[in-house]
Amino acid sequence: MDLSYDGTEFSGWARQPGRRTVQGELEEALGRVLRLEAAPALTVAGRTDAGVHARGQVAHVDLAISSLASLDASARGRGRAGGPEAGPQGKTDERDVDVEGWAEKGAQWLAALVRRLSGVLPLDVRVKAVCVAPEGFDARFSALYRRYVYRLSDAPGGVDPLRRREVVWHNRPLDVDLLNAASAALLGEHDFAAFCKSREGATTIRELQRLDWARGEDRIIRATVVADAFCHSMVRALVGSLLAVGEGRRPAEWPGHVLAAAIRDSGVHVAPAHGLTLEEVGYPAAEELARRAASTRRVRTLNS
């Protein structure tokens, strides 16, 4: 499933009791549209924090063909008059009916699922496309990379009100060349413990594949951040440390020193959530999906 959402009114991706979350809205909508007794469980590529947006989020869900067949009235009628021949006990094998229906109308059922979801989901979350995943696919563990973009403006007059939900106003001038100089030292595979909120049993070793800054024609400054995976609050902590350099409060070497220390530094301020958007998740070729998932599941060390 290809997803997008405005994270402003969500308490993040992950389902939480008593809170509005993207996962909660999607699972409830799937259960309703497919008439399931219990809402299905989604697995997502990136568990975004509260207030973070997504334009290119990916999730997968395991569903029986029969649940998709429920989207087609003619499929629901199969097995009655005009349907397949009955078996020895006078009953039709529902699995055979489902497979037959899928071969004939599977693409229509998936398109119907997207249409139905658009009618029941709130306007701040959309399912853009649905397809059958290749063998071995896992939305989280098969991913090669996630690409985020952080948007901010240092314009003296502030952010265009029409973009205030996705662009952060920084009230001091920023030097893009300094931002890029400081970012270069952070690239590669490192222990990013200094930029992550610790979680018991979770590794903080990541490969930062890209981190660069550019000021667009619209004067919006965009930080593009790509890694094989991110730990909790990592992107916003990286951005926060680099902003201190860009405005001249810290030397260009400082973020690299923080990284090498591998402990949280009180000087690193986590940038606001609403400037961050998950733009893309990349996957290997179909024949490499299962191998990639198995590799990613291993607990990583800097020596492995």
Protein backbone atom coordinates (compact mmCIF):
# COMPACT_ATOMS: atom_id res chain seq x y z
CA MET A 1 0.00 0.00 0.00
CA ASP A 2 1.33 3.43 -0.97
CA LEU A 3 0.26 6.04 1.58
CA SER A 4 0.42 9.75 2.25
CA TYR A 5 -0.74 11.79 5.23
CA ASP A 6 -0.63 15.17 6.90
CA GLY A 7 0.78 14.35 10.32
CA THR A 8 -0.42 17.55 12.03
CA GLU A 9 -3.35 16.03 13.88
CA PHE A 10 -1.86 12.58 14.46
CA SER A 11 0.03 11.24 17.47
CA GLY A 12 2.42 9.52 15.08
CA TRP A 13 2.07 6.36 13.02
CA ALA A 14 1.83 3.66 15.69
CA ARG A 15 -1.50 2.73 17.23
CA GLN A 16 -1.83 4.07 20.82
CA PRO A 17 -4.78 3.65 23.18
CA GLY A 18 -6.90 6.79 23.35
CA ARG A 19 -4.89 8.63 20.68
CA ARG A 20 -5.51 9.36 17.03
CA THR A 21 -2.83 7.66 14.93
CA VAL A 22 -2.30 6.94 11.24
CA GLN A 23 -2.13 3.19 11.83
CA GLY A 24 -5.33 3.26 13.85
CA GLU A 25 -7.26 5.15 11.17
CA LEU A 26 -6.05 2.90 8.36
CA GLU A 27 -6.62 -0.39 10.15
CA GLU A 28 -10.11 0.66 11.20
CA ALA A 29 -10.93 1.73 7.64
CA LEU A 30 -9.65 -1.56 6.18
CA GLY A 31 -11.69 -3.58 8.65
CA ARG A 32 -14.80 -1.58 7.83
CA VAL A 33 -14.45 -1.67 4.04
CA LEU A 34 -13.58 -5.38 3.95
CA ARG A 35 -16.20 -6.30 6.60
CA LEU A 36 -13.65 -8.06 8.79
CA GLU A 37 -14.45 -9.18 12.33
CA ALA A 38 -11.13 -7.77 13.56
CA ALA A 39 -9.10 -4.97 12.01
CA PRO A 40 -6.02 -6.26 10.14
CA ALA A 41 -2.50 -5.39 11.34
CA LEU A 42 -0.37 -3.14 9.13
CA THR A 43 3.43 -3.30 8.89
CA VAL A 44 4.96 0.02 7.85
CA ALA A 45 8.29 1.09 6.36
CA GLY A 46 8.80 4.05 8.69
CA ARG A 47 7.10 4.64 12.06
CA THR A 48 6.84 8.42 11.86
CA ASP A 49 6.63 10.51 15.04
CA ALA A 50 3.78 12.78 16.06
CA GLY A 51 3.44 15.70 13.66
CA VAL A 52 5.66 14.20 10.94
CA HIS A 53 4.16 13.94 7.44
CA ALA A 54 4.50 11.33 4.69
CA ARG A 55 4.17 11.56 0.94
CA GLY A 56 5.79 8.20 0.11
CA GLN A 57 5.00 5.88 3.02
CA VAL A 58 4.69 2.13 2.33
CA ALA A 59 2.85 -0.52 4.34
CA HIS A 60 1.82 -4.12 3.87
CA VAL A 61 -1.06 -6.16 5.22
CA ASP A 62 -1.85 -9.87 4.95
CA LEU A 63 -5.37 -10.49 3.65
CA ALA A 64 -7.31 -13.50 2.43
CA ILE A 65 -8.53 -13.38 -1.17
CA SER A 66 -12.05 -13.86 0.14
CA SER A 67 -11.90 -10.53 1.97
CA LEU A 68 -11.10 -8.73 -1.27
CA ALA A 69 -13.80 -10.66 -3.09
CA SER A 70 -16.31 -9.07 -0.72
CA LEU A 71 -15.78 -5.81 -2.65
CA ASP A 72 -17.47 -7.34 -5.70
CA ALA A 73 -21.17 -8.12 -5.49
CA SER A 74 -20.93 -10.64 -8.33
CA ALA A 75 -18.09 -12.44 -6.53
CA ARG A 76 -20.21 -12.66 -3.38
CA GLY A 77 -22.85 -14.42 -5.44
CA ARG A 78 -20.57 -17.12 -6.77
CA GLY A 79 -21.39 -20.62 -5.67
CA ARG A 80 -25.12 -20.07 -6.05
CA ALA A 81 -27.05 -20.50 -9.29
CA GLY A 82 -24.70 -20.24 -12.23
CA GLY A 83 -21.64 -20.79 -10.03
CA PRO A 84 -19.14 -23.67 -10.02
CA GLU A 85 -20.40 -27.22 -9.71
CA ALA A 86 -20.95 -28.49 -6.18
CA GLY A 87 -18.63 -31.02 -4.61
CA PRO A 88 -19.47 -34.53 -3.39
CA GLN A 89 -21.31 -33.20 -0.33
CA GLY A 90 -23.24 -30.60 -2.33
CA LYS A 91 -20.84 -27.77 -1.27
CA THR A 92 -18.62 -25.52 -3.32
CA ASP A 93 -14.98 -25.15 -2.21
CA GLU A 94 -14.80 -21.44 -1.34
CA ARG A 95 -11.04 -21.40 -1.87
CA ASP A 96 -11.51 -22.49 -5.50
CA VAL A 97 -14.15 -19.80 -5.98
CA ASP A 98 -11.81 -17.15 -4.53
CA VAL A 99 -8.88 -18.17 -6.74
CA GLU A 100 -11.08 -18.24 -9.82
CA GLY A 101 -12.48 -14.82 -8.98
CA TRP A 102 -9.03 -13.37 -8.30
CA ALA A 103 -7.68 -14.50 -11.68
CA GLU A 104 -10.61 -12.83 -13.39
CA LYS A 105 -11.21 -9.72 -11.30
CA GLY A 106 -8.28 -9.23 -8.93
CA ALA A 107 -7.22 -5.92 -10.49
CA GLN A 108 -10.78 -4.62 -10.22
CA TRP A 109 -11.00 -5.61 -6.56
CA LEU A 110 -7.79 -3.75 -5.73
CA ALA A 111 -9.01 -0.65 -7.55
CA ALA A 112 -12.31 -0.91 -5.69
CA LEU A 113 -10.41 -1.12 -2.40
CA VAL A 114 -8.64 2.18 -3.10
CA ARG A 115 -11.95 3.85 -4.02
CA ARG A 116 -13.75 2.53 -0.93
CA LEU A 117 -10.94 3.58 1.38
CA SER A 118 -10.98 7.10 -0.06
CA GLY A 119 -14.63 7.32 0.96
CA VAL A 120 -14.18 6.29 4.60
CA LEU A 121 -10.75 7.64 5.51
CA PRO A 122 -10.37 11.17 6.90
CA LEU A 123 -8.99 13.72 4.45
CA ASP A 124 -5.58 13.91 6.13
CA VAL A 125 -4.65 10.32 5.20
CA ARG A 126 -4.85 8.76 1.73
CA VAL A 127 -4.17 5.35 0.20
CA LYS A 128 -2.77 6.19 -3.22
CA ALA A 129 -2.29 2.69 -4.61
CA VAL A 130 -2.61 -0.98 -3.64
CA CYS A 131 -0.99 -4.01 -5.23
CA VAL A 132 -0.12 -7.61 -4.44
CA ALA A 133 3.37 -7.72 -2.93
CA PRO A 134 6.03 -9.99 -4.44
CA GLU A 135 7.05 -13.12 -2.54
CA GLY A 136 9.29 -12.26 0.41
CA PHE A 137 8.26 -8.59 0.62
CA ASP A 138 8.23 -6.89 4.01
CA ALA A 139 7.46 -3.16 4.05
CA ARG A 140 9.84 -2.57 6.95
CA PHE A 141 12.66 -5.07 6.64
CA SER A 142 12.93 -5.29 2.84
CA ALA A 143 13.59 -1.57 2.44
CA LEU A 144 16.97 -0.40 1.16
CA TYR A 145 16.52 3.21 2.19
CA ARG A 146 14.14 5.89 3.43
CA ARG A 147 14.33 9.42 2.07
CA TYR A 148 13.14 12.31 4.22
CA VAL A 149 13.08 16.02 3.42
CA TYR A 150 13.13 18.68 6.13
CA ARG A 151 11.77 22.06 5.03
CA LEU A 152 12.40 25.39 6.72
CA SER A 153 12.48 29.09 5.96
CA ASP A 154 14.70 31.82 7.38
CA ALA A 155 12.74 34.60 5.66
CA PRO A 156 12.50 37.63 7.97
CA GLY A 157 8.74 37.80 7.47
CA GLY A 158 8.15 34.15 8.34
CA VAL A 159 6.58 31.24 6.45
CA ASP A 160 3.85 31.54 3.84
CA PRO A 161 0.68 30.84 5.86
CA LEU A 162 -0.45 28.32 3.23
CA ARG A 163 2.67 26.23 3.93
CA ARG A 164 2.85 26.63 7.69
CA ARG A 165 2.03 22.96 8.34
CA GLU A 166 5.05 21.64 6.43
CA VAL A 167 7.65 24.42 6.67
CA VAL A 168 9.36 25.51 9.89
CA TRP A 169 10.27 29.16 10.40
CA HIS A 170 13.83 29.68 11.63
CA ASN A 171 14.18 33.24 12.89
CA ARG A 172 17.91 33.53 12.22
CA PRO A 173 19.69 33.63 8.83
CA LEU A 174 21.20 30.32 7.75
CA ASP A 175 24.33 29.69 5.70
CA VAL A 176 23.67 26.71 3.39
CA ASP A 177 27.39 26.24 2.68
CA LEU A 178 28.09 25.84 6.41
CA LEU A 179 25.19 23.39 6.72
CA ASN A 180 26.63 21.24 3.94
CA ALA A 181 30.16 21.40 5.31
CA ALA A 182 29.02 20.17 8.71
CA SER A 183 26.81 17.45 7.19
CA ALA A 184 29.67 15.80 5.29
CA ALA A 185 31.29 14.45 8.48
CA LEU A 186 28.11 12.56 9.41
CA LEU A 187 27.87 10.43 6.27
CA GLY A 188 28.58 6.70 6.37
CA GLU A 189 27.89 3.89 8.83
CA HIS A 190 28.16 5.03 12.44
CA ASP A 191 26.64 4.58 15.86
CA PHE A 192 24.16 7.46 15.94
CA ALA A 193 23.40 7.08 19.66
CA ALA A 194 24.08 10.79 20.15
CA PHE A 195 21.15 11.61 17.85
CA CYS A 196 18.66 8.91 18.86
CA LYS A 197 16.29 8.36 21.74
CA SER A 198 17.45 5.09 23.25
CA ARG A 199 15.19 2.04 23.17
CA GLU A 200 16.02 -1.11 25.09
CA GLY A 201 17.40 -3.84 22.84
CA ALA A 202 17.49 -1.61 19.74
CA THR A 203 20.69 -0.79 17.87
CA THR A 204 21.54 2.80 16.96
CA ILE A 205 23.95 1.84 14.17
CA ARG A 206 22.78 3.24 10.85
CA GLU A 207 24.22 4.03 7.42
CA LEU A 208 23.61 7.67 6.55
CA GLN A 209 23.75 7.67 2.76
CA ARG A 210 22.90 11.28 2.01
CA LEU A 211 22.56 14.53 3.94
CA ASP A 212 22.65 17.77 1.99
CA TRP A 213 21.00 21.18 2.01
CA ALA A 214 19.74 23.42 -0.79
CA ARG A 215 17.84 26.70 -0.97
CA GLY A 216 15.15 26.56 -3.64
CA GLU A 217 13.81 29.26 -5.93
CA ASP A 218 10.96 29.62 -3.44
CA ARG A 219 13.62 30.44 -0.78
CA ILE A 220 12.66 27.33 1.18
CA ILE A 221 15.71 25.48 2.53
CA ARG A 222 15.45 21.71 2.11
CA ALA A 223 17.56 19.13 3.89
CA THR A 224 17.46 15.79 2.08
CA VAL A 225 18.30 12.90 4.40
CA VAL A 226 18.66 9.29 3.20
CA ALA A 227 19.63 6.25 5.28
CA ASP A 228 19.04 2.52 5.31
CA ALA A 229 16.95 3.12 8.43
CA PHE A 230 16.47 5.75 11.13
CA CYS A 231 16.14 5.42 14.87
CA HIS A 232 13.70 7.42 16.98
CA SER A 233 14.01 11.22 16.44
CA MET A 234 17.28 10.78 14.51
CA VAL A 235 16.49 12.99 11.51
CA ARG A 236 15.21 15.88 13.62
CA ALA A 237 18.17 15.64 16.01
CA LEU A 238 20.60 15.73 13.08
CA VAL A 239 18.81 18.75 11.64
CA GLY A 240 18.78 20.48 15.02
CA SER A 241 22.53 20.05 15.51
CA LEU A 242 23.28 21.32 12.01
CA LEU A 243 21.11 24.40 12.38
CA ALA A 244 23.39 25.51 15.22
CA VAL A 245 26.22 25.48 12.69
CA GLY A 246 24.22 27.13 9.92
CA GLU A 247 23.39 30.12 12.07
CA GLY A 248 26.97 30.46 13.29
CA ARG A 249 26.60 29.39 16.94
CA ARG A 250 28.73 26.25 16.54
CA PRO A 251 31.75 25.40 14.38
CA ALA A 252 31.31 23.09 11.39
CA GLU A 253 33.20 20.32 13.24
CA TRP A 254 30.82 20.22 16.19
CA PRO A 255 28.17 17.73 14.88
CA GLY A 256 30.98 15.31 13.99
CA HIS A 257 32.37 15.55 17.52
CA VAL A 258 28.91 14.90 18.95
CA LEU A 259 28.59 11.83 16.71
CA ALA A 260 31.96 10.47 17.85
CA ALA A 261 31.05 10.88 21.52
CA ALA A 262 28.06 8.53 21.01
CA ILE A 263 26.08 10.03 23.89
CA ARG A 264 23.24 12.54 23.92
CA ASP A 265 24.51 16.10 24.04
CA SER A 266 22.41 18.74 25.77
CA GLY A 267 23.44 21.16 23.02
CA VAL A 268 21.54 19.15 20.39
CA HIS A 269 18.00 20.46 20.07
CA VAL A 270 15.50 18.28 18.20
CA ALA A 271 13.98 20.27 15.32
CA PRO A 272 10.18 20.67 15.21
CA ALA A 273 8.27 17.72 13.77
CA HIS A 274 6.11 19.51 11.22
CA GLY A 275 9.04 20.38 8.94
CA LEU A 276 9.75 16.70 8.25
CA THR A 277 8.20 14.58 5.48
CA LEU A 278 8.90 10.97 4.51
CA GLU A 279 9.16 11.29 0.73
CA GLU A 280 10.22 7.86 -0.49
CA VAL A 281 11.04 4.28 0.51
CA GLY A 282 13.28 2.29 -1.81
CA TYR A 283 13.29 -1.49 -2.29
CA PRO A 284 15.52 -3.96 -4.16
CA ALA A 285 14.45 -6.06 -7.12
CA ALA A 286 11.78 -8.68 -6.37
CA GLU A 287 14.25 -11.57 -6.26
CA GLU A 288 16.27 -9.78 -3.55
CA LEU A 289 13.40 -8.86 -1.19
CA ALA A 290 13.54 -11.90 1.10
CA ARG A 291 17.34 -11.79 1.33
CA ARG A 292 17.27 -8.10 2.20
CA ALA A 293 14.65 -8.68 4.90
CA ALA A 294 16.71 -11.46 6.48
CA SER A 295 19.82 -9.28 6.47
CA THR A 296 18.03 -6.29 8.00
CA ARG A 297 16.58 -8.35 10.85
CA ARG A 298 20.06 -9.10 12.18
CA VAL A 299 21.20 -6.94 15.08
CA ARG A 300 23.96 -4.86 13.59
CA THR A 301 27.35 -3.94 15.02
CA LEU A 302 30.02 -1.72 13.48
CA ASN A 303 32.14 -4.81 12.85
CA SER A 304 29.44 -6.70 10.92
